[in-house]
Amino acid sequence: MKVLLLFTGGTISMVRDSKSGALHPADMATFQSYVPELFAGEIEVDMLPFEPLIDSSNVNPENWSRMAHMVYDNYEKYDGFVILHGTDTMSYSASALSFMLHNLDKPVVFTGSQLPVGVLRSDAKENLLTAIEIAAAKDENGRAMVPEVTIFMDDELYRGNRTTKRNAEHFSAFNSYNYPALARAGVRITYQKQFIHYPQPNVKLRLRDKTDCNVAVLKLFPGITEPVVKAILSTPGLRGVVLETYGAGNAPSCDWLYQDLRDAVERGIIIVNKTQCNTGSVSMGQYAVSLPLLRAGVVSGYDITTEALLTKMMYLFGETPDDNELVKELLQSPLCGELTNN
């Protein structure tokens, strides 16, 4: 079994300078010296680094494309892939790759750590070694156990496009609020096969990495003013907006808000209703205060995360630049398990 370890950067790749005490990215040889077990087991592991390594706060769609290409270009050589990545934007990157790697039938596991690999109490080693084992795991028929883009941190494996970073202090950095864990790691790794997405058989992997970043997030709050809303909706080149609403998709009963949203929709901007709640789904029409959104042409994002919705918008606008009606339809449909619309 062979796994390719893609080394992009992040806290997991940091070591502390013995003189200054400052953290800095480790070179490959130094990193390997902290995790000798990685290269001493039954799984053959190769490493492929970004040059230079990047802080996850600087990750952008070009980096997502690069990661996707690294998987695609090496796809036939390896049984699975592990991507070392900073935790701050890991959910965005995992979501993006889930759309870019169409009909994936091998594991792509993102992992990182809350403490650098060179720190005594670091969670890096356990996260990395378990991610490698998951990336190589096959069932009794020789099929990959989890042929999805996932995130593994602190004993939990989640579908990547269902995750949100929830904690900057604890090792349990991520949660998947609206979808169960795909696996849990204890003495054994227990896979929840009923929740895992399997691709269509005998269909080759397709790389679809075009993106369009002309999207925005408009988060509603008590006291929001029309100039703020207009400023976002009148952004030059804007194509899509994530409208973060209250509860089950509710918004203030303001005539100006309804009119501004309707005007934007009529100009060809796609606006998707996304609840600010971590758990639950948008249900427009359930309350009277959401009916104006329906009349304005706002569409439902159901239970998708903001991270997945933004990257899905970028992906769909990039791959389907001239068909807004198709984009609108696809935004409300699950492409790779990122939402539940029933």
Protein backbone atom coordinates (compact mmCIF):
# COMPACT_ATOMS: atom_id res chain seq x y z
CA MET A 1 0.00 0.00 0.00
CA LYS A 2 1.27 3.44 -0.93
CA VAL A 3 0.15 6.84 0.34
CA LEU A 4 1.28 10.23 -0.90
CA LEU A 5 1.68 12.86 1.81
CA LEU A 6 1.15 16.37 0.45
CA PHE A 7 2.90 18.89 2.66
CA THR A 8 1.33 22.37 2.34
CA GLY A 9 2.28 23.89 5.69
CA GLY A 10 0.35 24.87 8.80
CA THR A 11 0.95 24.41 12.52
CA ILE A 12 1.60 20.69 12.09
CA SER A 13 4.74 21.46 10.09
CA MET A 14 6.25 23.85 12.66
CA VAL A 15 9.24 23.29 14.94
CA ARG A 16 10.66 25.55 17.63
CA ASP A 17 14.04 27.18 17.14
CA SER A 18 16.31 26.04 19.96
CA LYS A 19 17.90 29.50 20.34
CA SER A 20 15.11 32.00 19.76
CA GLY A 21 12.16 29.82 20.78
CA ALA A 22 10.24 31.01 17.72
CA LEU A 23 8.22 28.60 15.59
CA HIS A 24 9.20 28.14 11.95
CA PRO A 25 8.38 25.64 9.17
CA ALA A 26 10.42 22.45 9.31
CA ASP A 27 12.26 21.11 6.31
CA MET A 28 11.41 17.58 5.16
CA ALA A 29 14.34 15.92 6.93
CA THR A 30 13.55 17.62 10.25
CA PHE A 31 9.88 16.75 10.00
CA GLN A 32 10.67 13.11 9.27
CA SER A 33 12.95 12.96 12.31
CA TYR A 34 9.97 13.81 14.56
CA VAL A 35 7.79 11.08 13.06
CA PRO A 36 10.10 8.11 12.32
CA GLU A 37 7.12 5.70 12.64
CA LEU A 38 5.73 7.18 9.45
CA PHE A 39 8.37 5.42 7.39
CA ALA A 40 8.80 2.23 9.40
CA GLY A 41 5.45 0.47 8.90
CA GLU A 42 3.72 -1.57 6.24
CA ILE A 43 2.44 1.50 4.41
CA GLU A 44 4.90 3.09 2.00
CA VAL A 45 4.75 6.87 2.37
CA ASP A 46 6.15 9.40 -0.08
CA MET A 47 6.23 13.13 0.62
CA LEU A 48 5.58 15.96 -1.82
CA PRO A 49 5.91 19.49 -0.40
CA PHE A 50 4.58 22.85 -1.47
CA GLU A 51 7.44 25.19 -2.19
CA PRO A 52 7.28 27.42 -0.32
CA LEU A 53 5.06 26.13 2.48
CA ILE A 54 2.08 28.37 3.17
CA ASP A 55 0.18 29.48 6.25
CA SER A 56 -3.43 28.38 5.86
CA SER A 57 -4.59 31.98 6.34
CA ASN A 58 -3.00 32.67 2.95
CA VAL A 59 -4.68 29.78 1.14
CA ASN A 60 -6.57 30.77 -2.01
CA PRO A 61 -8.26 29.06 -4.99
CA GLU A 62 -4.94 28.82 -6.83
CA ASN A 63 -3.64 26.71 -3.95
CA TRP A 64 -6.76 24.52 -4.09
CA SER A 65 -6.14 23.94 -7.78
CA ARG A 66 -2.53 23.07 -7.06
CA MET A 67 -3.54 20.55 -4.38
CA ALA A 68 -6.12 19.01 -6.69
CA HIS A 69 -3.55 18.73 -9.50
CA MET A 70 -1.07 17.06 -7.14
CA VAL A 71 -3.67 14.41 -6.35
CA TYR A 72 -4.78 14.05 -9.97
CA ASP A 73 -1.25 13.84 -11.41
CA ASN A 74 -0.28 11.09 -8.94
CA TYR A 75 -3.63 9.34 -8.81
CA GLU A 76 -2.62 6.04 -10.39
CA LYS A 77 0.54 5.67 -8.31
CA TYR A 78 -1.02 5.69 -4.82
CA ASP A 79 -3.80 4.05 -2.85
CA GLY A 80 -4.62 7.25 -1.00
CA PHE A 81 -3.55 10.78 -0.19
CA VAL A 82 -3.02 12.77 3.01
CA ILE A 83 -2.80 16.57 2.91
CA LEU A 84 -1.09 18.36 5.79
CA HIS A 85 -2.82 21.73 6.13
CA GLY A 86 -3.30 24.48 8.67
CA THR A 87 -6.58 24.22 10.54
CA ASP A 88 -7.82 27.80 10.03
CA THR A 89 -8.99 27.28 6.45
CA MET A 90 -8.92 23.48 6.24
CA SER A 91 -12.71 23.24 5.89
CA TYR A 92 -12.61 25.58 2.88
CA SER A 93 -9.83 23.59 1.20
CA ALA A 94 -11.45 20.22 1.88
CA SER A 95 -14.76 21.52 0.53
CA ALA A 96 -13.11 22.92 -2.59
CA LEU A 97 -11.29 19.68 -3.39
CA SER A 98 -14.47 17.66 -2.90
CA PHE A 99 -15.94 19.56 -5.86
CA MET A 100 -12.78 19.65 -7.97
CA LEU A 101 -12.05 15.91 -7.77
CA HIS A 102 -15.14 14.58 -9.51
CA ASN A 103 -15.93 10.87 -9.05
CA LEU A 104 -13.11 10.34 -6.59
CA ASP A 105 -12.68 6.68 -5.59
CA LYS A 106 -9.60 6.98 -3.37
CA PRO A 107 -9.23 8.66 0.04
CA VAL A 108 -8.00 12.25 0.28
CA VAL A 109 -7.57 12.95 3.99
CA PHE A 110 -6.82 16.43 5.32
CA THR A 111 -5.19 16.62 8.72
CA GLY A 112 -3.25 19.06 10.86
CA SER A 113 -2.68 19.83 14.49
CA GLN A 114 -3.32 22.42 17.15
CA LEU A 115 0.25 22.17 18.44
CA PRO A 116 3.38 21.97 16.24
CA VAL A 117 5.02 18.60 15.62
CA GLY A 118 8.09 19.73 17.53
CA VAL A 119 6.19 20.43 20.78
CA LEU A 120 6.16 17.73 23.46
CA ARG A 121 2.36 17.52 23.85
CA SER A 122 1.62 17.91 20.14
CA ASP A 123 -1.40 16.18 18.64
CA ALA A 124 0.40 16.12 15.28
CA LYS A 125 1.84 12.62 15.40
CA GLU A 126 -1.39 10.82 16.29
CA ASN A 127 -3.42 12.79 13.74
CA LEU A 128 -0.91 12.13 10.98
CA LEU A 129 -0.37 8.43 11.60
CA THR A 130 -4.10 7.73 11.82
CA ALA A 131 -4.78 9.77 8.68
CA ILE A 132 -2.18 7.69 6.83
CA GLU A 133 -3.83 4.46 7.99
CA ILE A 134 -7.27 5.71 6.88
CA ALA A 135 -5.88 6.77 3.49
CA ALA A 136 -4.52 3.25 2.93
CA ALA A 137 -7.49 1.31 4.35
CA LYS A 138 -9.40 -1.06 2.04
CA ASP A 139 -12.38 -3.30 2.61
CA GLU A 140 -12.58 -7.06 2.00
CA ASN A 141 -13.15 -6.44 -1.71
CA GLY A 142 -10.09 -4.25 -2.10
CA ARG A 143 -12.12 -1.06 -2.33
CA ALA A 144 -11.06 2.07 -0.46
CA MET A 145 -12.85 2.31 2.88
CA VAL A 146 -13.51 6.05 2.57
CA PRO A 147 -13.23 7.26 -1.05
CA GLU A 148 -14.00 10.86 -0.16
CA VAL A 149 -12.29 14.13 0.68
CA THR A 150 -12.31 14.07 4.48
CA ILE A 151 -10.85 15.75 7.56
CA PHE A 152 -9.34 13.74 10.39
CA MET A 153 -8.62 15.41 13.73
CA ASP A 154 -8.71 14.15 17.30
CA ASP A 155 -10.15 10.67 16.69
CA GLU A 156 -12.94 11.77 14.32
CA LEU A 157 -13.13 11.46 10.53
CA TYR A 158 -15.62 13.81 8.89
CA ARG A 159 -16.74 14.46 5.33
CA GLY A 160 -14.66 17.51 4.46
CA ASN A 161 -17.47 19.57 2.96
CA ARG A 162 -19.59 19.12 6.09
CA THR A 163 -17.04 20.53 8.53
CA THR A 164 -16.53 23.80 10.37
CA LYS A 165 -13.64 24.75 12.61
CA ARG A 166 -15.24 25.16 16.00
CA ASN A 167 -12.37 25.54 18.47
CA ALA A 168 -9.02 27.32 18.49
CA GLU A 169 -7.97 25.93 21.87
CA HIS A 170 -8.86 22.23 22.05
CA PHE A 171 -7.57 19.31 20.00
CA SER A 172 -11.13 18.67 18.78
CA ALA A 173 -10.87 21.58 16.37
CA PHE A 174 -13.63 20.54 13.94
CA ASN A 175 -17.21 19.40 13.97
CA SER A 176 -19.69 18.18 11.41
CA TYR A 177 -22.92 19.54 12.82
CA ASN A 178 -25.35 18.23 10.23
CA TYR A 179 -23.76 14.94 9.21
CA PRO A 180 -22.41 12.01 11.26
CA ALA A 181 -18.73 11.10 11.55
CA LEU A 182 -17.54 8.67 8.88
CA ALA A 183 -15.15 6.93 11.26
CA ARG A 184 -13.91 7.07 14.85
CA ALA A 185 -10.42 6.10 15.94
CA GLY A 186 -9.86 4.38 19.26
CA VAL A 187 -8.07 1.12 19.85
CA ARG A 188 -9.54 0.28 16.44
CA ILE A 189 -10.75 2.52 13.65
CA THR A 190 -14.51 2.01 13.35
CA TYR A 191 -15.96 2.95 9.98
CA GLN A 192 -19.59 4.04 9.62
CA LYS A 193 -20.10 2.60 6.14
CA GLN A 194 -23.74 3.65 5.93
CA PHE A 195 -22.67 7.31 5.92
CA ILE A 196 -19.81 7.04 3.41
CA HIS A 197 -20.33 8.23 -0.17
CA TYR A 198 -19.18 5.82 -2.87
CA PRO A 199 -18.66 6.95 -6.49
CA GLN A 200 -20.25 5.54 -9.59
CA PRO A 201 -18.42 2.38 -10.65
CA ASN A 202 -16.13 2.37 -13.68
CA VAL A 203 -16.16 6.16 -14.07
CA LYS A 204 -12.78 7.86 -14.22
CA LEU A 205 -11.70 10.70 -11.98
CA ARG A 206 -12.20 14.12 -13.54
CA LEU A 207 -10.36 17.24 -12.48
CA ARG A 208 -12.51 20.37 -12.59
CA ASP A 209 -10.56 23.21 -11.05
CA LYS A 210 -11.85 26.43 -12.62
CA THR A 211 -13.11 28.94 -10.06
CA ASP A 212 -14.68 32.39 -9.99
CA CYS A 213 -14.13 34.36 -6.78
CA ASN A 214 -16.83 36.98 -7.36
CA VAL A 215 -18.84 35.88 -4.34
CA ALA A 216 -19.59 37.45 -0.97
CA VAL A 217 -21.11 36.76 2.43
CA LEU A 218 -23.87 39.03 3.74
CA LYS A 219 -24.55 38.29 7.38
CA LEU A 220 -27.74 39.73 8.78
CA PHE A 221 -27.76 41.26 12.24
CA PRO A 222 -30.20 43.36 14.29
CA GLY A 223 -29.83 46.96 13.16
CA ILE A 224 -28.28 46.22 9.77
CA THR A 225 -28.70 49.25 7.51
CA GLU A 226 -29.56 49.59 3.86
CA PRO A 227 -26.24 51.25 2.91
CA VAL A 228 -24.37 48.20 4.23
CA VAL A 229 -26.55 45.81 2.23
CA LYS A 230 -26.37 47.96 -0.90
CA ALA A 231 -22.57 48.21 -0.63
CA ILE A 232 -22.23 44.43 -0.78
CA LEU A 233 -24.91 43.82 -3.41
CA SER A 234 -23.48 46.52 -5.70
CA THR A 235 -19.94 45.09 -5.68
CA PRO A 236 -18.67 45.19 -9.27
CA GLY A 237 -18.65 41.76 -10.90
CA LEU A 238 -20.52 40.10 -8.05
CA ARG A 239 -22.14 36.81 -9.09
CA GLY A 240 -23.22 35.09 -5.88
CA VAL A 241 -24.04 35.92 -2.27
CA VAL A 242 -24.26 33.73 0.80
CA LEU A 243 -27.05 35.35 2.82
CA GLU A 244 -26.58 34.31 6.44
CA THR A 245 -30.01 34.52 8.04
CA TYR A 246 -31.56 33.76 11.41
CA GLY A 247 -32.92 30.41 12.54
CA ALA A 248 -34.64 28.44 9.80
CA GLY A 249 -33.85 31.10 7.18
CA ASN A 250 -35.56 34.21 8.54
CA ALA A 251 -34.83 37.88 7.90
CA PRO A 252 -36.09 41.29 9.13
CA SER A 253 -39.43 42.39 7.69
CA CYS A 254 -38.04 45.46 5.94
CA ASP A 255 -39.40 46.58 2.59
CA TRP A 256 -36.02 47.99 1.58
CA LEU A 257 -34.27 44.66 2.29
CA TYR A 258 -36.75 42.75 0.16
CA GLN A 259 -36.42 45.30 -2.65
CA ASP A 260 -32.61 45.34 -2.57
CA LEU A 261 -32.43 41.54 -2.68
CA ARG A 262 -34.99 41.38 -5.48
CA ASP A 263 -33.12 44.00 -7.51
CA ALA A 264 -29.88 42.04 -7.10
CA VAL A 265 -31.54 38.80 -8.22
CA GLU A 266 -33.00 40.58 -11.26
CA ARG A 267 -29.46 41.74 -12.14
CA GLY A 268 -28.39 38.09 -12.26
CA ILE A 269 -26.86 37.74 -8.80
CA ILE A 270 -27.62 34.38 -7.19
CA ILE A 271 -28.44 34.72 -3.49
CA VAL A 272 -28.49 31.59 -1.33
CA ASN A 273 -30.11 31.50 2.10
CA LYS A 274 -27.80 29.96 4.74
CA THR A 275 -28.77 29.80 8.40
CA GLN A 276 -26.38 31.29 10.95
CA CYS A 277 -27.05 28.27 13.18
CA ASN A 278 -24.46 25.49 13.13
CA THR A 279 -27.12 22.80 13.37
CA GLY A 280 -30.31 22.66 11.33
CA SER A 281 -31.55 23.58 7.88
CA VAL A 282 -33.09 26.51 6.04
CA SER A 283 -36.83 26.11 5.57
CA MET A 284 -38.13 29.20 3.79
CA GLY A 285 -41.85 29.66 4.24
CA GLN A 286 -41.94 28.02 7.65
CA TYR A 287 -42.21 31.50 9.20
CA ALA A 288 -43.85 34.54 7.67
CA VAL A 289 -40.62 36.56 7.98
CA SER A 290 -38.93 34.30 5.42
CA LEU A 291 -41.65 34.63 2.76
CA PRO A 292 -40.26 37.93 1.37
CA LEU A 293 -36.97 36.14 0.67
CA LEU A 294 -38.82 33.57 -1.43
CA ARG A 295 -40.64 36.31 -3.31
CA ALA A 296 -37.34 38.10 -3.91
CA GLY A 297 -35.90 35.02 -5.63
CA VAL A 298 -33.53 33.92 -2.88
CA VAL A 299 -32.86 30.16 -3.03
CA SER A 300 -32.32 27.72 -0.18
CA GLY A 301 -28.96 26.39 0.94
CA TYR A 302 -30.64 23.83 3.20
CA ASP A 303 -28.09 22.50 5.74
CA ILE A 304 -24.85 23.32 3.88
CA THR A 305 -21.97 25.00 5.71
CA THR A 306 -20.80 28.47 4.76
CA GLU A 307 -17.39 27.03 3.83
CA ALA A 308 -18.92 24.49 1.46
CA LEU A 309 -21.40 26.98 0.00
CA LEU A 310 -18.76 29.57 -0.81
CA THR A 311 -16.41 27.08 -2.44
CA LYS A 312 -19.30 25.45 -4.30
CA MET A 313 -20.31 28.84 -5.68
CA MET A 314 -16.74 29.57 -6.79
CA TYR A 315 -16.54 26.14 -8.42
CA LEU A 316 -19.90 26.33 -10.20
CA PHE A 317 -19.37 29.88 -11.45
CA GLY A 318 -15.94 28.84 -12.74
CA GLU A 319 -17.09 25.64 -14.43
CA THR A 320 -20.49 26.93 -15.62
CA PRO A 321 -19.86 30.60 -16.38
CA ASP A 322 -22.81 31.26 -18.71
CA ASP A 323 -25.72 29.34 -17.23
CA ASN A 324 -27.13 30.94 -14.09
CA GLU A 325 -30.22 28.75 -14.08
CA LEU A 326 -28.11 25.59 -14.04
CA VAL A 327 -25.89 27.03 -11.30
CA LYS A 328 -28.97 27.89 -9.24
CA GLU A 329 -30.28 24.35 -9.66
CA LEU A 330 -26.94 22.75 -8.74
CA LEU A 331 -26.53 24.98 -5.68
CA GLN A 332 -29.71 23.42 -4.29
CA SER A 333 -28.66 19.85 -5.11
CA PRO A 334 -26.04 17.62 -3.46
CA LEU A 335 -23.04 17.09 -5.74
CA CYS A 336 -20.88 15.11 -3.33
CA GLY A 337 -22.81 14.89 -0.08
CA GLU A 338 -22.41 18.54 0.94
CA LEU A 339 -26.09 19.13 1.73
CA THR A 340 -29.39 17.41 2.43
CA ASN A 341 -32.29 18.89 0.47
CA ASN A 342 -35.17 16.71 1.59
